[in-house]
Structures are given as structure tokens and as C-alpha cells.
Amino acid sequence: MGLFKHKQSANKKVNGRSEKGERKKVKYVWVSSRKAIFIITGNIKESKYSYGVPIIPLLGYYRSKGKTYTAKELGNYYVILNLPKDVNIDELEGKRVVILGYDQDALYIDQNDDERRDEGEVEDEGGEEK
């Protein structure tokens, strides 16, 4: 039975913490490039001057306090994306993947599977719509 023994608690990650149990540092960023892809991981929160959205950056450049970061450099942080007050937040509610600027500055937001099923857009394995 020694093949399957392992310590689960030693390397187990707890929400928002590193493998050592330390919390990740929070980094507040703005999108710095015209093209960006990120995953929304939490709810949108309103502050005095902007909205904050927890994200996982996948592609693009992000700016914080005058310094520019790539998505890879932000991998060790808990990232909050700042959005201006004039953004239509209703478009982001309940969405998961956001792709900015890849078709003449268009904004594409991936829908959840439940929403696509409601609209009749999801196809089954036979190629027919449900």
C-alpha cells in the first residue's frame, strides 16, 4: 500500500494561498494593451471611482502604478482589474472569459453553457441543435 501514500496537507493549496499557506499579494491593474484575454474569477465590486473584478490574466499587458506587466508576470498575484465607471457592467455579469480587441476593438464575452442552451446554440454530438 506504499504506492498510494502521500501527504495531502503538505502541498494542498487553500483558497487564495500559495503552497506554503501564504496569501498571494493583491495587484490592482488596468488593461494597458489594446488586446487582452482574461478569465473572470469573482463578482464585480463597485468602489468610489471604478469597478473591481478579480481576474486571471491569460494574454495582454496590464498596468499598475506606472509599471507594465505581462499576464505571465502577474501569475504570482491575486489580480483585480479596475474598470472605469462608464463601462457597461451588465455585459460582464455572469460571464467567464473576456476577449478584448481582436476584431477591430470589438469586445467578445464567452457565454456560460446554460445561457447557450437557453438560446438553442449548443449542438449535441450528432451535429443537431438541442
N, C-alpha and C. Protein backbone atom coordinates (compact mmCIF):
# COMPACT_ATOMS: atom_id res chain seq x y z
N MET A 1 0.80 -1.20 0.00
CA MET A 1 0.00 0.00 0.00
C MET A 1 0.85 1.27 0.00
N GLY A 2 2.14 1.15 -0.02
CA GLY A 2 3.02 2.31 0.00
C GLY A 2 2.99 3.09 -1.30
N LEU A 3 2.47 2.51 -2.38
CA LEU A 3 2.44 3.21 -3.66
C LEU A 3 1.51 4.42 -3.63
N PHE A 4 0.45 4.33 -2.87
CA PHE A 4 -0.56 5.39 -2.92
C PHE A 4 -0.53 6.31 -1.73
N LYS A 5 0.48 6.17 -0.88
CA LYS A 5 0.58 7.07 0.27
C LYS A 5 1.19 8.39 -0.17
N HIS A 6 0.58 9.47 0.25
CA HIS A 6 1.13 10.79 0.01
C HIS A 6 0.54 11.75 1.03
N LYS A 7 1.25 12.79 1.29
CA LYS A 7 0.77 13.77 2.25
C LYS A 7 -0.08 14.80 1.50
N GLN A 8 -1.36 14.82 1.83
CA GLN A 8 -2.24 15.77 1.17
C GLN A 8 -2.11 17.16 1.76
N SER A 9 -1.89 17.26 3.04
CA SER A 9 -1.90 18.56 3.68
C SER A 9 -0.62 19.37 3.42
N ALA A 10 0.48 18.72 3.06
CA ALA A 10 1.74 19.43 2.89
C ALA A 10 1.72 20.39 1.70
N ASN A 11 1.20 19.97 0.57
CA ASN A 11 1.22 20.80 -0.64
C ASN A 11 -0.16 21.26 -1.07
N LYS A 12 -1.14 21.11 -0.21
CA LYS A 12 -2.50 21.47 -0.57
C LYS A 12 -2.67 22.98 -0.60
N LYS A 13 -3.25 23.50 -1.68
CA LYS A 13 -3.49 24.93 -1.78
C LYS A 13 -4.85 25.26 -1.18
N VAL A 14 -4.89 26.28 -0.37
CA VAL A 14 -6.13 26.77 0.21
C VAL A 14 -6.50 28.02 -0.58
N ASN A 15 -7.78 28.34 -0.65
CA ASN A 15 -8.26 29.46 -1.46
C ASN A 15 -7.39 30.70 -1.33
N GLY A 16 -6.83 31.15 -2.45
CA GLY A 16 -6.04 32.38 -2.50
C GLY A 16 -4.70 32.29 -1.80
N ARG A 17 -4.23 31.11 -1.48
CA ARG A 17 -2.97 30.97 -0.76
C ARG A 17 -1.98 30.16 -1.58
N SER A 18 -0.72 30.36 -1.32
CA SER A 18 0.31 29.60 -2.01
C SER A 18 0.46 28.23 -1.37
N GLU A 19 1.37 27.43 -1.90
CA GLU A 19 1.58 26.09 -1.37
C GLU A 19 2.08 26.13 0.07
N LYS A 20 2.75 27.19 0.46
CA LYS A 20 3.26 27.31 1.82
C LYS A 20 2.21 27.87 2.78
N GLY A 21 1.02 28.15 2.29
CA GLY A 21 -0.04 28.68 3.14
C GLY A 21 -0.05 30.19 3.23
N GLU A 22 0.83 30.86 2.49
CA GLU A 22 0.86 32.31 2.50
C GLU A 22 -0.17 32.84 1.51
N ARG A 23 -0.77 33.97 1.86
CA ARG A 23 -1.71 34.59 0.93
C ARG A 23 -0.95 35.23 -0.23
N LYS A 24 -1.57 35.19 -1.41
CA LYS A 24 -0.97 35.88 -2.55
C LYS A 24 -1.16 37.38 -2.38
N LYS A 25 -0.19 38.15 -2.85
CA LYS A 25 -0.31 39.60 -2.80
C LYS A 25 -1.34 40.05 -3.81
N VAL A 26 -2.11 41.07 -3.47
CA VAL A 26 -3.13 41.62 -4.36
C VAL A 26 -2.48 42.66 -5.26
N LYS A 27 -2.80 42.60 -6.55
CA LYS A 27 -2.29 43.57 -7.51
C LYS A 27 -3.49 44.16 -8.25
N TYR A 28 -3.68 45.48 -8.13
CA TYR A 28 -4.75 46.18 -8.83
C TYR A 28 -4.19 46.68 -10.16
N VAL A 29 -4.82 46.31 -11.27
CA VAL A 29 -4.29 46.63 -12.59
C VAL A 29 -5.36 47.23 -13.49
N TRP A 30 -4.89 47.87 -14.55
CA TRP A 30 -5.71 48.36 -15.66
C TRP A 30 -5.21 47.65 -16.91
N VAL A 31 -6.06 47.45 -17.91
CA VAL A 31 -5.62 46.86 -19.17
C VAL A 31 -4.80 47.92 -19.89
N SER A 32 -3.56 47.57 -20.25
CA SER A 32 -2.64 48.52 -20.86
C SER A 32 -2.56 48.35 -22.37
N SER A 33 -2.89 47.18 -22.88
CA SER A 33 -2.80 46.93 -24.32
C SER A 33 -4.19 46.98 -24.94
N ARG A 34 -4.21 47.05 -26.25
CA ARG A 34 -5.50 47.06 -26.95
C ARG A 34 -6.08 45.66 -27.09
N LYS A 35 -5.26 44.66 -26.82
CA LYS A 35 -5.71 43.27 -26.92
C LYS A 35 -5.41 42.56 -25.61
N ALA A 36 -6.41 41.89 -25.07
CA ALA A 36 -6.23 41.18 -23.81
C ALA A 36 -7.24 40.05 -23.70
N ILE A 37 -6.84 39.00 -23.01
CA ILE A 37 -7.73 37.88 -22.72
C ILE A 37 -7.57 37.58 -21.23
N PHE A 38 -8.70 37.45 -20.53
CA PHE A 38 -8.65 37.10 -19.12
C PHE A 38 -9.89 36.34 -18.71
N ILE A 39 -9.77 35.63 -17.58
CA ILE A 39 -10.88 34.87 -17.01
C ILE A 39 -11.36 35.62 -15.78
N ILE A 40 -12.66 35.82 -15.67
CA ILE A 40 -13.25 36.46 -14.50
C ILE A 40 -13.45 35.40 -13.44
N THR A 41 -12.93 35.63 -12.23
CA THR A 41 -13.00 34.61 -11.18
C THR A 41 -13.92 34.98 -10.03
N GLY A 42 -14.47 36.17 -10.02
CA GLY A 42 -15.33 36.57 -8.91
C GLY A 42 -16.36 37.60 -9.33
N ASN A 43 -17.02 38.17 -8.35
CA ASN A 43 -18.06 39.16 -8.60
C ASN A 43 -17.48 40.55 -8.75
N ILE A 44 -18.20 41.39 -9.46
CA ILE A 44 -17.79 42.77 -9.69
C ILE A 44 -18.15 43.58 -8.44
N LYS A 45 -17.18 44.38 -7.97
CA LYS A 45 -17.41 45.23 -6.80
C LYS A 45 -17.21 46.68 -7.19
N GLU A 46 -18.08 47.54 -6.70
CA GLU A 46 -18.02 48.96 -7.02
C GLU A 46 -17.25 49.71 -5.95
N SER A 47 -16.36 50.58 -6.38
CA SER A 47 -15.66 51.48 -5.46
C SER A 47 -16.03 52.92 -5.82
N LYS A 48 -15.38 53.87 -5.20
CA LYS A 48 -15.75 55.27 -5.41
C LYS A 48 -15.54 55.73 -6.84
N TYR A 49 -14.41 55.33 -7.47
CA TYR A 49 -14.07 55.83 -8.80
C TYR A 49 -14.09 54.78 -9.90
N SER A 50 -14.18 53.51 -9.55
CA SER A 50 -14.11 52.45 -10.57
C SER A 50 -14.81 51.20 -10.08
N TYR A 51 -14.80 50.18 -10.93
CA TYR A 51 -15.27 48.85 -10.58
C TYR A 51 -14.05 47.94 -10.47
N GLY A 52 -14.12 46.94 -9.62
CA GLY A 52 -13.04 45.97 -9.48
C GLY A 52 -13.54 44.57 -9.77
N VAL A 53 -12.79 43.84 -10.60
CA VAL A 53 -13.16 42.48 -10.99
C VAL A 53 -11.96 41.56 -10.77
N PRO A 54 -12.10 40.51 -9.96
CA PRO A 54 -11.00 39.55 -9.82
C PRO A 54 -10.83 38.75 -11.11
N ILE A 55 -9.60 38.69 -11.62
CA ILE A 55 -9.36 38.01 -12.90
C ILE A 55 -8.11 37.13 -12.82
N ILE A 56 -7.99 36.27 -13.82
CA ILE A 56 -6.75 35.56 -14.12
C ILE A 56 -6.33 36.02 -15.51
N PRO A 57 -5.29 36.83 -15.63
CA PRO A 57 -4.87 37.31 -16.95
C PRO A 57 -4.21 36.18 -17.75
N LEU A 58 -4.63 36.03 -19.01
CA LEU A 58 -4.07 35.00 -19.88
C LEU A 58 -3.18 35.57 -20.96
N LEU A 59 -3.51 36.77 -21.46
CA LEU A 59 -2.75 37.38 -22.54
C LEU A 59 -2.92 38.88 -22.47
N GLY A 60 -1.91 39.60 -22.87
CA GLY A 60 -2.00 41.05 -22.91
C GLY A 60 -1.07 41.70 -21.91
N TYR A 61 -1.12 43.03 -21.90
CA TYR A 61 -0.30 43.83 -20.99
C TYR A 61 -1.22 44.56 -20.02
N TYR A 62 -0.79 44.61 -18.77
CA TYR A 62 -1.57 45.23 -17.72
C TYR A 62 -0.69 46.25 -17.00
N ARG A 63 -1.29 47.35 -16.54
CA ARG A 63 -0.56 48.45 -15.95
C ARG A 63 -0.97 48.62 -14.48
N SER A 64 0.02 48.86 -13.63
CA SER A 64 -0.23 49.12 -12.21
C SER A 64 0.83 50.08 -11.69
N LYS A 65 0.42 51.21 -11.19
CA LYS A 65 1.30 52.22 -10.61
C LYS A 65 2.47 52.58 -11.53
N GLY A 66 2.17 52.80 -12.80
CA GLY A 66 3.18 53.24 -13.75
C GLY A 66 4.05 52.15 -14.33
N LYS A 67 3.90 50.92 -13.89
CA LYS A 67 4.70 49.82 -14.41
C LYS A 67 3.80 48.88 -15.22
N THR A 68 4.35 48.34 -16.31
CA THR A 68 3.59 47.44 -17.18
C THR A 68 3.99 45.99 -16.89
N TYR A 69 3.00 45.12 -16.82
CA TYR A 69 3.22 43.70 -16.55
C TYR A 69 2.60 42.87 -17.67
N THR A 70 3.22 41.73 -17.97
CA THR A 70 2.59 40.76 -18.86
C THR A 70 1.70 39.85 -18.03
N ALA A 71 0.87 39.08 -18.70
CA ALA A 71 -0.01 38.16 -18.00
C ALA A 71 0.81 37.14 -17.20
N LYS A 72 1.92 36.71 -17.75
CA LYS A 72 2.77 35.73 -17.07
C LYS A 72 3.37 36.29 -15.79
N GLU A 73 3.77 37.55 -15.81
CA GLU A 73 4.35 38.18 -14.62
C GLU A 73 3.35 38.34 -13.49
N LEU A 74 2.05 38.37 -13.81
CA LEU A 74 1.02 38.53 -12.80
C LEU A 74 0.55 37.19 -12.22
N GLY A 75 1.18 36.10 -12.64
CA GLY A 75 0.77 34.77 -12.19
C GLY A 75 0.92 34.54 -10.70
N ASN A 76 1.79 35.28 -10.03
CA ASN A 76 2.01 35.10 -8.60
C ASN A 76 1.14 36.02 -7.75
N TYR A 77 0.24 36.75 -8.37
CA TYR A 77 -0.59 37.72 -7.66
C TYR A 77 -2.07 37.35 -7.76
N TYR A 78 -2.84 37.84 -6.79
CA TYR A 78 -4.29 37.84 -6.88
C TYR A 78 -4.64 39.13 -7.58
N VAL A 79 -5.11 39.07 -8.82
CA VAL A 79 -5.24 40.24 -9.68
C VAL A 79 -6.67 40.78 -9.67
N ILE A 80 -6.79 42.08 -9.42
CA ILE A 80 -8.07 42.78 -9.50
C ILE A 80 -7.97 43.76 -10.67
N LEU A 81 -8.85 43.61 -11.65
CA LEU A 81 -8.87 44.50 -12.81
C LEU A 81 -9.77 45.69 -12.50
N ASN A 82 -9.23 46.88 -12.63
CA ASN A 82 -10.00 48.11 -12.45
C ASN A 82 -10.67 48.47 -13.77
N LEU A 83 -11.94 48.83 -13.71
CA LEU A 83 -12.69 49.27 -14.88
C LEU A 83 -13.28 50.63 -14.58
N PRO A 84 -13.29 51.54 -15.57
CA PRO A 84 -13.85 52.88 -15.32
C PRO A 84 -15.35 52.81 -15.04
N LYS A 85 -15.87 53.85 -14.42
CA LYS A 85 -17.29 53.90 -14.05
C LYS A 85 -18.22 53.93 -15.25
N ASP A 86 -17.73 54.36 -16.42
CA ASP A 86 -18.61 54.46 -17.58
C ASP A 86 -18.76 53.14 -18.36
N VAL A 87 -18.15 52.06 -17.89
CA VAL A 87 -18.26 50.76 -18.56
C VAL A 87 -19.61 50.14 -18.24
N ASN A 88 -20.20 49.46 -19.23
CA ASN A 88 -21.47 48.77 -19.03
C ASN A 88 -21.19 47.44 -18.31
N ILE A 89 -21.36 47.41 -17.01
CA ILE A 89 -21.05 46.25 -16.19
C ILE A 89 -22.02 45.10 -16.44
N ASP A 90 -23.24 45.41 -16.91
CA ASP A 90 -24.23 44.36 -17.16
C ASP A 90 -23.73 43.33 -18.17
N GLU A 91 -22.86 43.74 -19.10
CA GLU A 91 -22.30 42.81 -20.08
C GLU A 91 -21.39 41.78 -19.43
N LEU A 92 -20.76 42.12 -18.32
CA LEU A 92 -19.81 41.22 -17.67
C LEU A 92 -20.45 40.30 -16.64
N GLU A 93 -21.65 40.63 -16.16
CA GLU A 93 -22.31 39.83 -15.12
C GLU A 93 -22.52 38.39 -15.60
N GLY A 94 -22.03 37.44 -14.83
CA GLY A 94 -22.23 36.03 -15.12
C GLY A 94 -21.35 35.48 -16.23
N LYS A 95 -20.43 36.27 -16.75
CA LYS A 95 -19.55 35.81 -17.83
C LYS A 95 -18.27 35.25 -17.24
N ARG A 96 -17.56 34.47 -18.04
CA ARG A 96 -16.35 33.80 -17.56
C ARG A 96 -15.10 34.26 -18.31
N VAL A 97 -15.12 34.22 -19.64
CA VAL A 97 -13.95 34.56 -20.44
C VAL A 97 -14.21 35.86 -21.19
N VAL A 98 -13.24 36.78 -21.14
CA VAL A 98 -13.38 38.05 -21.85
C VAL A 98 -12.21 38.19 -22.81
N ILE A 99 -12.52 38.51 -24.06
CA ILE A 99 -11.51 38.72 -25.10
C ILE A 99 -11.70 40.13 -25.62
N LEU A 100 -10.69 40.97 -25.47
CA LEU A 100 -10.78 42.37 -25.88
C LEU A 100 -9.96 42.64 -27.13
N GLY A 101 -10.55 43.32 -28.10
CA GLY A 101 -9.81 43.95 -29.17
C GLY A 101 -9.22 43.07 -30.25
N TYR A 102 -9.72 41.89 -30.51
CA TYR A 102 -9.13 41.07 -31.55
C TYR A 102 -9.85 41.19 -32.89
N ASP A 103 -10.92 41.96 -32.95
CA ASP A 103 -11.60 42.19 -34.22
C ASP A 103 -12.03 43.66 -34.25
N GLN A 104 -11.13 44.52 -34.61
CA GLN A 104 -11.35 45.96 -34.71
C GLN A 104 -11.98 46.51 -33.43
N ASP A 105 -11.29 46.27 -32.31
CA ASP A 105 -11.68 46.77 -31.00
C ASP A 105 -13.04 46.27 -30.52
N ALA A 106 -13.44 45.10 -30.98
CA ALA A 106 -14.69 44.52 -30.51
C ALA A 106 -14.46 43.83 -29.17
N LEU A 107 -15.51 43.71 -28.41
CA LEU A 107 -15.47 43.04 -27.12
C LEU A 107 -16.26 41.74 -27.23
N TYR A 108 -15.59 40.62 -27.03
CA TYR A 108 -16.25 39.32 -27.08
C TYR A 108 -16.28 38.74 -25.68
N ILE A 109 -17.43 38.30 -25.26
CA ILE A 109 -17.57 37.71 -23.93
C ILE A 109 -18.16 36.33 -24.10
N ASP A 110 -17.45 35.32 -23.61
CA ASP A 110 -17.92 33.94 -23.71
C ASP A 110 -19.12 33.75 -22.80
N GLN A 111 -20.16 33.12 -23.33
CA GLN A 111 -21.35 32.83 -22.54
C GLN A 111 -21.18 31.52 -21.80
N ASN A 112 -21.90 31.38 -20.71
CA ASN A 112 -21.93 30.12 -20.00
C ASN A 112 -22.72 29.11 -20.82
N ASP A 113 -22.45 27.80 -20.65
CA ASP A 113 -23.17 26.78 -21.40
C ASP A 113 -24.67 26.83 -21.15
N ASP A 114 -25.09 27.17 -19.93
CA ASP A 114 -26.52 27.24 -19.62
C ASP A 114 -27.21 28.29 -20.46
N GLU A 115 -26.57 29.44 -20.64
CA GLU A 115 -27.15 30.50 -21.44
C GLU A 115 -27.26 30.10 -22.91
N ARG A 116 -26.23 29.40 -23.42
CA ARG A 116 -26.26 28.97 -24.82
C ARG A 116 -27.35 27.93 -25.04
N ARG A 117 -27.56 27.05 -24.06
CA ARG A 117 -28.64 26.06 -24.19
C ARG A 117 -29.99 26.75 -24.23
N ASP A 118 -30.17 27.77 -23.40
CA ASP A 118 -31.43 28.52 -23.39
C ASP A 118 -31.69 29.18 -24.73
N GLU A 119 -30.63 29.60 -25.41
CA GLU A 119 -30.77 30.27 -26.70
C GLU A 119 -30.76 29.29 -27.87
N GLY A 120 -30.56 28.00 -27.61
CA GLY A 120 -30.56 26.99 -28.66
C GLY A 120 -29.30 26.96 -29.49
N GLU A 121 -28.17 27.42 -28.96
CA GLU A 121 -26.93 27.48 -29.72
C GLU A 121 -26.03 26.28 -29.52
N VAL A 122 -26.24 25.46 -28.50
CA VAL A 122 -25.36 24.33 -28.21
C VAL A 122 -25.79 23.14 -29.05
N GLU A 123 -24.82 22.54 -29.75
CA GLU A 123 -25.10 21.38 -30.57
C GLU A 123 -24.70 20.11 -29.84
N ASP A 124 -25.46 19.02 -30.06
CA ASP A 124 -25.07 17.75 -29.44
C ASP A 124 -24.05 17.06 -30.33
N GLU A 125 -23.64 15.86 -29.98
CA GLU A 125 -22.57 15.17 -30.70
C GLU A 125 -22.96 14.82 -32.14
N GLY A 126 -24.23 14.71 -32.43
CA GLY A 126 -24.68 14.38 -33.78
C GLY A 126 -24.69 15.56 -34.70
N GLY A 127 -24.40 16.74 -34.20
CA GLY A 127 -24.38 17.93 -35.04
C GLY A 127 -25.72 18.63 -35.12
N GLU A 128 -26.71 18.16 -34.36
CA GLU A 128 -28.02 18.79 -34.37
C GLU A 128 -28.16 19.71 -33.17
N GLU A 129 -28.92 20.79 -33.36
CA GLU A 129 -29.14 21.69 -32.25
C GLU A 129 -30.13 21.08 -31.29
N LYS A 130 -29.95 21.38 -30.02
CA LYS A 130 -30.89 20.89 -29.00
C LYS A 130 -32.07 21.80 -28.90
